[in-house]
Structure formats: C-alpha cells, structure tokens
C-alpha atoms as a PDB file:
ATOM      1  CA  MET A   1     -78.351  67.267 -85.499  1.00  0.00           C
ATOM      2  CA  MET A   2     -78.916  66.155 -81.883  1.00  0.00           C
ATOM      3  CA  GLY A   3     -78.355  62.527 -82.865  1.00  0.00           C
ATOM      4  CA  TRP A   4     -74.950  63.457 -84.280  1.00  0.00           C
ATOM      5  CA  LEU A   5     -74.047  65.353 -81.106  1.00  0.00           C
ATOM      6  CA  TYR A   6     -75.071  62.398 -78.941  1.00  0.00           C
ATOM      7  CA  GLY A   7     -72.937  60.159 -81.165  1.00  0.00           C
ATOM      8  CA  VAL A   8     -69.915  62.398 -80.593  1.00  0.00           C
ATOM      9  CA  ALA A   9     -70.659  62.462 -76.850  1.00  0.00           C
ATOM     10  CA  SER A  10     -70.869  58.664 -76.832  1.00  0.00           C
ATOM     11  CA  THR A  11     -67.454  58.368 -78.477  1.00  0.00           C
ATOM     12  CA  VAL A  12     -65.808  60.882 -76.150  1.00  0.00           C
ATOM     13  CA  GLU A  13     -67.313  59.289 -73.023  1.00  0.00           C
ATOM     14  CA  PHE A  14     -66.245  55.809 -74.147  1.00  0.00           C
ATOM     15  CA  ALA A  15     -62.701  57.073 -74.737  1.00  0.00           C
ATOM     16  CA  LEU A  16     -62.715  58.737 -71.312  1.00  0.00           C
ATOM     17  CA  GLY A  17     -63.775  55.511 -69.593  1.00  0.00           C
ATOM     18  CA  THR A  18     -61.109  53.583 -71.476  1.00  0.00           C
ATOM     19  CA  LEU A  19     -58.378  56.071 -70.568  1.00  0.00           C
ATOM     20  CA  ILE A  20     -59.388  56.007 -66.897  1.00  0.00           C
ATOM     21  CA  LEU A  21     -59.359  52.210 -66.697  1.00  0.00           C
ATOM     22  CA  VAL A  22     -56.154  51.807 -68.754  1.00  0.00           C
ATOM     23  CA  GLY A  23     -54.479  54.435 -66.577  1.00  0.00           C
ATOM     24  CA  LEU A  24     -55.614  52.519 -63.508  1.00  0.00           C
ATOM     25  CA  PHE A  25     -54.228  49.244 -64.866  1.00  0.00           C
ATOM     26  CA  ASN A  26     -50.876  50.866 -65.658  1.00  0.00           C
ATOM     27  CA  ASP A  27     -50.671  52.800 -62.347  1.00  0.00           C
ATOM     28  CA  VAL A  28     -50.427  56.069 -64.288  1.00  0.00           C
ATOM     29  CA  TRP A  29     -52.121  58.275 -61.719  1.00  0.00           C
ATOM     30  CA  GLN A  30     -50.762  58.432 -58.212  1.00  0.00           C
ATOM     31  CA  THR A  31     -54.186  59.120 -56.702  1.00  0.00           C
ATOM     32  CA  ALA A  32     -55.766  56.317 -58.740  1.00  0.00           C
ATOM     33  CA  VAL A  33     -53.388  53.758 -57.285  1.00  0.00           C
ATOM     34  CA  LYS A  34     -54.456  54.779 -53.779  1.00  0.00           C
ATOM     35  CA  SER A  35     -58.195  55.003 -54.591  1.00  0.00           C
ATOM     36  CA  LYS A  36     -58.794  52.080 -56.948  1.00  0.00           C
ATOM     37  CA  GLY A  37     -62.462  51.641 -56.026  1.00  0.00           C
ATOM     38  CA  LEU A  38     -63.187  55.263 -56.891  1.00  0.00           C
ATOM     39  CA  PHE A  39     -61.465  54.904 -60.244  1.00  0.00           C
ATOM     40  CA  TRP A  40     -63.219  51.641 -61.073  1.00  0.00           C
ATOM     41  CA  ALA A  41     -66.541  53.386 -60.426  1.00  0.00           C
ATOM     42  CA  LEU A  42     -65.421  56.444 -62.406  1.00  0.00           C
ATOM     43  CA  GLY A  43     -64.377  54.386 -65.442  1.00  0.00           C
ATOM     44  CA  TRP A  44     -67.513  52.245 -65.507  1.00  0.00           C
ATOM     45  CA  SER A  45     -69.802  55.232 -64.976  1.00  0.00           C
ATOM     46  CA  ALA A  46     -68.140  56.870 -68.014  1.00  0.00           C
ATOM     47  CA  TYR A  47     -69.024  53.715 -69.967  1.00  0.00           C
ATOM     48  CA  ALA A  48     -72.618  53.973 -68.670  1.00  0.00           C
ATOM     49  CA  MET A  49     -72.799  57.589 -69.855  1.00  0.00           C
ATOM     50  CA  SER A  50     -71.422  56.501 -73.222  1.00  0.00           C
ATOM     51  CA  PHE A  51     -74.114  53.825 -73.506  1.00  0.00           C
ATOM     52  CA  CYS A  52     -76.833  56.349 -72.604  1.00  0.00           C
ATOM     53  CA  SER A  53     -75.534  58.796 -75.231  1.00  0.00           C
ATOM     54  CA  PHE A  54     -75.422  55.989 -77.794  1.00  0.00           C
ATOM     55  CA  LEU A  55     -79.051  55.077 -77.139  1.00  0.00           C
ATOM     56  CA  LYS A  56     -80.073  58.732 -77.395  1.00  0.00           C
ATOM     57  CA  ALA A  57     -78.176  58.963 -80.690  1.00  0.00           C
ATOM     58  CA  MET A  58     -80.244  55.992 -81.893  1.00  0.00           C
ATOM     59  CA  GLY A  59     -83.442  57.878 -81.010  1.00  0.00           C
ATOM     60  CA  ASP A  60     -84.532  56.612 -77.564  1.00  0.00           C
ATOM     61  CA  THR A  61     -86.333  59.529 -75.911  1.00  0.00           C
ATOM     62  CA  SER A  62     -88.576  57.796 -73.359  1.00  0.00           C
ATOM     63  CA  PRO A  63     -89.173  59.621 -70.040  1.00  0.00           C
ATOM     64  CA  VAL A  64     -87.852  56.655 -68.033  1.00  0.00           C
ATOM     65  CA  PHE A  65     -84.651  56.655 -70.032  1.00  0.00           C
ATOM     66  CA  ASP A  66     -84.247  60.394 -69.395  1.00  0.00           C
ATOM     67  CA  VAL A  67     -84.332  59.668 -65.652  1.00  0.00           C
ATOM     68  CA  VAL A  68     -81.730  56.895 -66.067  1.00  0.00           C
ATOM     69  CA  THR A  69     -79.504  59.161 -68.163  1.00  0.00           C
ATOM     70  CA  GLY A  70     -79.747  61.969 -65.616  1.00  0.00           C
ATOM     71  CA  SER A  71     -78.941  59.574 -62.777  1.00  0.00           C
ATOM     72  CA  VAL A  72     -75.883  58.217 -64.578  1.00  0.00           C
ATOM     73  CA  GLN A  73     -74.624  61.739 -65.269  1.00  0.00           C
ATOM     74  CA  ILE A  74     -75.106  62.719 -61.619  1.00  0.00           C
ATOM     75  CA  LEU A  75     -73.224  59.593 -60.537  1.00  0.00           C
ATOM     76  CA  PHE A  76     -70.334  60.305 -62.901  1.00  0.00           C
ATOM     77  CA  HIS A  77     -70.019  63.939 -61.855  1.00  0.00           C
ATOM     78  CA  ALA A  78     -70.260  63.028 -58.159  1.00  0.00           C
ATOM     79  CA  LEU A  79     -67.377  60.587 -58.688  1.00  0.00           C
ATOM     80  CA  VAL A  80     -65.343  63.267 -60.474  1.00  0.00           C
ATOM     81  CA  LEU A  81     -65.933  65.604 -57.534  1.00  0.00           C
ATOM     82  CA  SER A  82     -64.902  62.794 -55.163  1.00  0.00           C
ATOM     83  CA  TYR A  83     -61.670  62.339 -57.121  1.00  0.00           C
ATOM     84  CA  VAL A  84     -60.922  66.064 -57.003  1.00  0.00           C
ATOM     85  CA  THR A  85     -61.606  66.075 -53.259  1.00  0.00           C
ATOM     86  CA  VAL A  86     -59.319  63.082 -52.634  1.00  0.00           C
ATOM     87  CA  TYR A  87     -56.595  64.652 -54.762  1.00  0.00           C
ATOM     88  CA  MET A  88     -56.856  68.011 -53.030  1.00  0.00           C
ATOM     89  CA  VAL A  89     -56.866  66.525 -49.521  1.00  0.00           C
ATOM     90  CA  GLU A  90     -53.779  64.410 -50.285  1.00  0.00           C
ATOM     91  CA  HIS A  91     -51.855  67.310 -51.777  1.00  0.00           C
ATOM     92  CA  TRP A  92     -53.003  69.787 -49.142  1.00  0.00           C
ATOM     93  CA  GLY A  93     -51.600  67.447 -46.486  1.00  0.00           C
ATOM     94  CA  ARG A  94     -48.247  67.272 -48.287  1.00  0.00           C
ATOM     95  CA  ASP A  95     -48.065  71.039 -48.737  1.00  0.00           C
ATOM     96  CA  ASN A  96     -48.708  71.645 -45.046  1.00  0.00           C
ATOM     97  CA  ALA A  97     -46.059  69.096 -44.013  1.00  0.00           C
ATOM     98  CA  ARG A  98     -43.289  71.179 -45.591  1.00  0.00           C
END
C-alpha cells in the first residue's frame, strides 16, 4: 500500500515541477518572472522530491536515503515559504501605496 502511495506522490510531484517550470518559461506568474532563481530552484526541488518518492515506491528504505528525502522535502517547503513571502511582500507594498 505504501509503495502505491509513494508512486502517486511521485507522479503529483513530477507534475508540480513541470507546471512550475512551464509556467516560468511562459511568464505565467507575475512573481515568477521577477524571481526566476527562486522558481528554478522550486521546480527542480519538486523533481528531486518526485525522484525520492519514486525510489521509495521501488522499495528503497535505507537510513541514508531517509535523510536525503527529508532534506529534499525541507528544501522544497522552504522554497515554497520563500515564494509566499516574496509574493506577500510585493503585494503588501502595492496595497499600502494606494
């Protein structure tokens, strides 16, 4: 059952990374255009999470790999928080200018 769940997680994370990078290429998100480095890191860290989930779905449960997986998840979530912070600061500045 856990292997199936990790397989689903791998697919969702891969799709998320693809959407982030495609959106960046097409200038879909206003904040992404201004913070390209953040979005490159966000997209590739989603791919790293997808790869970790794929390996877990295949049965890799080594302690070292658990540390790598945890580190990748922390990196991804820190980047998401950075994006939210950048977005909020930009929009807070616009709201106060009115």
